[in-house]
């Protein structure tokens, strides 16, 4: 599948509830086009942590594979069921995407079956960020934690 020209994806991930400064969260934005960006925060947003933004390029074939994965996982025409009662304190992930004029929102707090359905998409999105960027962000996070621990 060729990537639609309007393909855009925003993936949000937040660590489980832990004491500051151990919490962290990030947003990965893909597109339009073969460009990506990760916006990383090493603490809860209300603690005014630094914000680190890294940009990266994505091979067109890899982007095509991601678009096909969203299609095969029925992201644009699926129904997403939430846990009831909702789960508090665990990691959270959610996604918004656009392709071929369609929009999709996958909320956080899905049932186990829906989590299994969307997890390969989440894994593929995270894999788009080059390992060198992940390593740099983790090193910065560790330095931030050390600076907050005194």
Foldseek 3Di string as FASTA:
>chain_A
DFFALQKKKKKKKWAFDDDPQQTKIWIWIQDPPFKIKIWIFRHPVVVVGDIDMDMDGHDRVLNVVLVVLCVVLVQQNDDFAADVPFDHGHMWMWMWIDGPRTIGTHGTRTDPVNCVSCVVSVVSRVPRPDPVVVVVVVVVSVVVRVVPPD
